[in-house]
Amino acid sequence: MKNRSDDYLERRKHLSKLSKSELKEYFFELTDKILDPLLDLSYEYTSPAIERSVLMRMGFSSLEAKGITDKIYEHSLLEHGAGHLVYRYSKDKNMSIREAGLAILESDAILYLLEVFK
């Protein structure tokens, strides 16, 4: 077997004393450190494509999702999330998710959401 020419054995010394459970814990600690900035970005930024995808998973067709997202984007509310806006409107107005989404698309429901979120 050929010896490694890099410094692997030197770099792993701090891990050699850890048990399997400690290694696992350390692995997930490092994983969290890597993922934290990505999660922060996902909470702070979105895009029309992401929001359309969310609406489609809520049961809207691709054309409906595009229309709802476009309307929300035109009124600078996209940062709140299209799915969240539809959900909030449905709860506030005591209607189904589908009815709420179509109301945002076809009526002045967007004005209500502007009042709530601005």
C-alpha atoms as a PDB file:
ATOM      1  CA  MET A   1       0.000   0.000   0.000  1.00  0.00           C
ATOM      2  CA  LYS A   2       1.333   3.383  -0.977  1.00  0.00           C
ATOM      3  CA  ASN A   3       1.742   6.130   1.651  1.00  0.00           C
ATOM      4  CA  ARG A   4      -0.147   9.327   1.156  1.00  0.00           C
ATOM      5  CA  SER A   5       2.006  12.207   0.124  1.00  0.00           C
ATOM      6  CA  ASP A   6      -0.332  14.835   1.609  1.00  0.00           C
ATOM      7  CA  ASP A   7      -0.829  15.808   5.234  1.00  0.00           C
ATOM      8  CA  TYR A   8      -3.973  13.758   5.881  1.00  0.00           C
ATOM      9  CA  LEU A   9      -2.599  11.991   8.965  1.00  0.00           C
ATOM     10  CA  GLU A  10      -1.485  15.289  10.447  1.00  0.00           C
ATOM     11  CA  ARG A  11      -4.816  17.006   9.763  1.00  0.00           C
ATOM     12  CA  ARG A  12      -6.892  14.200  11.282  1.00  0.00           C
ATOM     13  CA  LYS A  13      -5.084  14.125  14.643  1.00  0.00           C
ATOM     14  CA  HIS A  14      -7.677  16.303  16.345  1.00  0.00           C
ATOM     15  CA  LEU A  15     -10.365  13.807  15.289  1.00  0.00           C
ATOM     16  CA  SER A  16      -8.603  10.603  16.319  1.00  0.00           C
ATOM     17  CA  LYS A  17      -9.618  10.899  19.980  1.00  0.00           C
ATOM     18  CA  LEU A  18     -13.327  11.331  19.230  1.00  0.00           C
ATOM     19  CA  SER A  19     -15.823   8.502  19.568  1.00  0.00           C
ATOM     20  CA  LYS A  20     -18.220   7.632  16.755  1.00  0.00           C
ATOM     21  CA  SER A  21     -21.020   9.611  18.373  1.00  0.00           C
ATOM     22  CA  GLU A  22     -18.709  12.583  18.951  1.00  0.00           C
ATOM     23  CA  LEU A  23     -17.589  12.433  15.319  1.00  0.00           C
ATOM     24  CA  LYS A  24     -21.205  12.358  14.207  1.00  0.00           C
ATOM     25  CA  GLU A  25     -22.011  15.342  16.419  1.00  0.00           C
ATOM     26  CA  TYR A  26     -18.987  17.227  15.076  1.00  0.00           C
ATOM     27  CA  PHE A  27     -20.002  16.420  11.500  1.00  0.00           C
ATOM     28  CA  PHE A  28     -23.485  17.875  12.007  1.00  0.00           C
ATOM     29  CA  GLU A  29     -22.044  20.907  13.769  1.00  0.00           C
ATOM     30  CA  LEU A  30     -19.873  21.606  10.713  1.00  0.00           C
ATOM     31  CA  THR A  31     -22.808  20.917   8.393  1.00  0.00           C
ATOM     32  CA  ASP A  32     -24.890  23.500  10.263  1.00  0.00           C
ATOM     33  CA  LYS A  33     -22.102  26.054   9.881  1.00  0.00           C
ATOM     34  CA  ILE A  34     -22.049  25.442   6.128  1.00  0.00           C
ATOM     35  CA  LEU A  35     -25.821  25.575   5.738  1.00  0.00           C
ATOM     36  CA  ASP A  36     -26.544  28.591   7.946  1.00  0.00           C
ATOM     37  CA  PRO A  37     -25.603  31.172   5.280  1.00  0.00           C
ATOM     38  CA  LEU A  38     -27.688  29.301   2.691  1.00  0.00           C
ATOM     39  CA  LEU A  39     -30.687  29.235   4.995  1.00  0.00           C
ATOM     40  CA  ASP A  40     -30.256  32.937   5.710  1.00  0.00           C
ATOM     41  CA  LEU A  41     -30.324  33.621   1.974  1.00  0.00           C
ATOM     42  CA  SER A  42     -33.436  31.511   1.498  1.00  0.00           C
ATOM     43  CA  TYR A  43     -35.259  33.472   4.204  1.00  0.00           C
ATOM     44  CA  GLU A  44     -34.227  36.848   2.800  1.00  0.00           C
ATOM     45  CA  TYR A  45     -34.423  36.337  -0.964  1.00  0.00           C
ATOM     46  CA  THR A  46     -36.884  34.825  -3.383  1.00  0.00           C
ATOM     47  CA  SER A  47     -37.684  34.995  -7.049  1.00  0.00           C
ATOM     48  CA  PRO A  48     -40.825  34.897  -9.175  1.00  0.00           C
ATOM     49  CA  ALA A  49     -39.874  31.366 -10.304  1.00  0.00           C
ATOM     50  CA  ILE A  50     -39.672  30.130  -6.709  1.00  0.00           C
ATOM     51  CA  GLU A  51     -42.970  31.778  -5.823  1.00  0.00           C
ATOM     52  CA  ARG A  52     -44.707  30.307  -8.898  1.00  0.00           C
ATOM     53  CA  SER A  53     -43.431  26.901  -7.836  1.00  0.00           C
ATOM     54  CA  VAL A  54     -44.861  27.359  -4.347  1.00  0.00           C
ATOM     55  CA  LEU A  55     -48.255  28.338  -5.757  1.00  0.00           C
ATOM     56  CA  MET A  56     -48.286  25.365  -8.099  1.00  0.00           C
ATOM     57  CA  ARG A  57     -47.676  23.083  -5.111  1.00  0.00           C
ATOM     58  CA  MET A  58     -50.641  24.769  -3.461  1.00  0.00           C
ATOM     59  CA  GLY A  59     -52.819  23.577  -6.349  1.00  0.00           C
ATOM     60  CA  PHE A  60     -52.791  26.449  -8.816  1.00  0.00           C
ATOM     61  CA  SER A  61     -52.143  25.842 -12.506  1.00  0.00           C
ATOM     62  CA  SER A  62     -48.963  27.226 -13.997  1.00  0.00           C
ATOM     63  CA  LEU A  63     -50.917  30.029 -15.711  1.00  0.00           C
ATOM     64  CA  GLU A  64     -52.736  30.940 -12.492  1.00  0.00           C
ATOM     65  CA  ALA A  65     -49.493  30.816 -10.518  1.00  0.00           C
ATOM     66  CA  LYS A  66     -47.790  33.075 -13.053  1.00  0.00           C
ATOM     67  CA  GLY A  67     -50.653  35.573 -12.936  1.00  0.00           C
ATOM     68  CA  ILE A  68     -50.785  35.670  -9.144  1.00  0.00           C
ATOM     69  CA  THR A  69     -47.010  35.985  -8.880  1.00  0.00           C
ATOM     70  CA  ASP A  70     -46.891  38.724 -11.508  1.00  0.00           C
ATOM     71  CA  LYS A  71     -49.566  40.702  -9.680  1.00  0.00           C
ATOM     72  CA  ILE A  72     -47.789  40.318  -6.349  1.00  0.00           C
ATOM     73  CA  TYR A  73     -44.482  41.286  -7.969  1.00  0.00           C
ATOM     74  CA  GLU A  74     -46.010  44.375  -9.641  1.00  0.00           C
ATOM     75  CA  HIS A  75     -47.122  45.586  -6.210  1.00  0.00           C
ATOM     76  CA  SER A  76     -43.718  44.906  -4.573  1.00  0.00           C
ATOM     77  CA  LEU A  77     -45.055  42.257  -2.206  1.00  0.00           C
ATOM     78  CA  LEU A  78     -42.998  39.303  -3.440  1.00  0.00           C
ATOM     79  CA  GLU A  79     -40.667  39.520  -0.437  1.00  0.00           C
ATOM     80  CA  HIS A  80     -43.537  38.284   1.750  1.00  0.00           C
ATOM     81  CA  GLY A  81     -43.966  35.131  -0.336  1.00  0.00           C
ATOM     82  CA  ALA A  82     -46.795  34.452  -2.741  1.00  0.00           C
ATOM     83  CA  GLY A  83     -47.943  31.377  -0.841  1.00  0.00           C
ATOM     84  CA  HIS A  84     -47.934  33.306   2.417  1.00  0.00           C
ATOM     85  CA  LEU A  85     -49.984  36.123   0.893  1.00  0.00           C
ATOM     86  CA  VAL A  86     -52.553  33.699  -0.511  1.00  0.00           C
ATOM     87  CA  TYR A  87     -52.722  31.875   2.815  1.00  0.00           C
ATOM     88  CA  ARG A  88     -53.055  35.077   4.805  1.00  0.00           C
ATOM     89  CA  TYR A  89     -55.808  36.400   2.542  1.00  0.00           C
ATOM     90  CA  SER A  90     -57.681  33.099   2.771  1.00  0.00           C
ATOM     91  CA  LYS A  91     -57.562  33.145   6.577  1.00  0.00           C
ATOM     92  CA  ASP A  92     -58.427  36.833   6.902  1.00  0.00           C
ATOM     93  CA  LYS A  93     -61.361  36.548   4.508  1.00  0.00           C
ATOM     94  CA  ASN A  94     -62.442  33.058   5.625  1.00  0.00           C
ATOM     95  CA  MET A  95     -62.193  31.450   2.194  1.00  0.00           C
ATOM     96  CA  SER A  96     -60.355  28.515   0.643  1.00  0.00           C
ATOM     97  CA  ILE A  97     -56.782  28.814  -0.553  1.00  0.00           C
ATOM     98  CA  ARG A  98     -57.947  28.464  -4.156  1.00  0.00           C
ATOM     99  CA  GLU A  99     -60.604  31.171  -3.786  1.00  0.00           C
ATOM    100  CA  ALA A 100     -58.079  33.486  -2.168  1.00  0.00           C
ATOM    101  CA  GLY A 101     -55.513  32.997  -4.917  1.00  0.00           C
ATOM    102  CA  LEU A 102     -58.069  33.609  -7.636  1.00  0.00           C
ATOM    103  CA  ALA A 103     -59.337  36.687  -5.764  1.00  0.00           C
ATOM    104  CA  ILE A 104     -55.802  38.092  -5.759  1.00  0.00           C
ATOM    105  CA  LEU A 105     -55.576  37.358  -9.461  1.00  0.00           C
ATOM    106  CA  GLU A 106     -59.001  38.643 -10.504  1.00  0.00           C
ATOM    107  CA  SER A 107     -60.072  41.290  -7.995  1.00  0.00           C
ATOM    108  CA  ASP A 108     -58.853  44.118  -5.796  1.00  0.00           C
ATOM    109  CA  ALA A 109     -57.711  41.685  -3.094  1.00  0.00           C
ATOM    110  CA  ILE A 110     -54.180  42.903  -3.729  1.00  0.00           C
ATOM    111  CA  LEU A 111     -55.206  46.271  -2.246  1.00  0.00           C
ATOM    112  CA  TYR A 112     -56.098  44.555   1.018  1.00  0.00           C
ATOM    113  CA  LEU A 113     -52.730  42.819   1.071  1.00  0.00           C
ATOM    114  CA  LEU A 114     -50.975  46.129   0.391  1.00  0.00           C
ATOM    115  CA  GLU A 115     -52.637  47.568   3.504  1.00  0.00           C
ATOM    116  CA  VAL A 116     -51.702  44.587   5.626  1.00  0.00           C
ATOM    117  CA  PHE A 117     -48.075  44.222   4.507  1.00  0.00           C
ATOM    118  CA  LYS A 118     -46.930  47.788   3.862  1.00  0.00           C
END
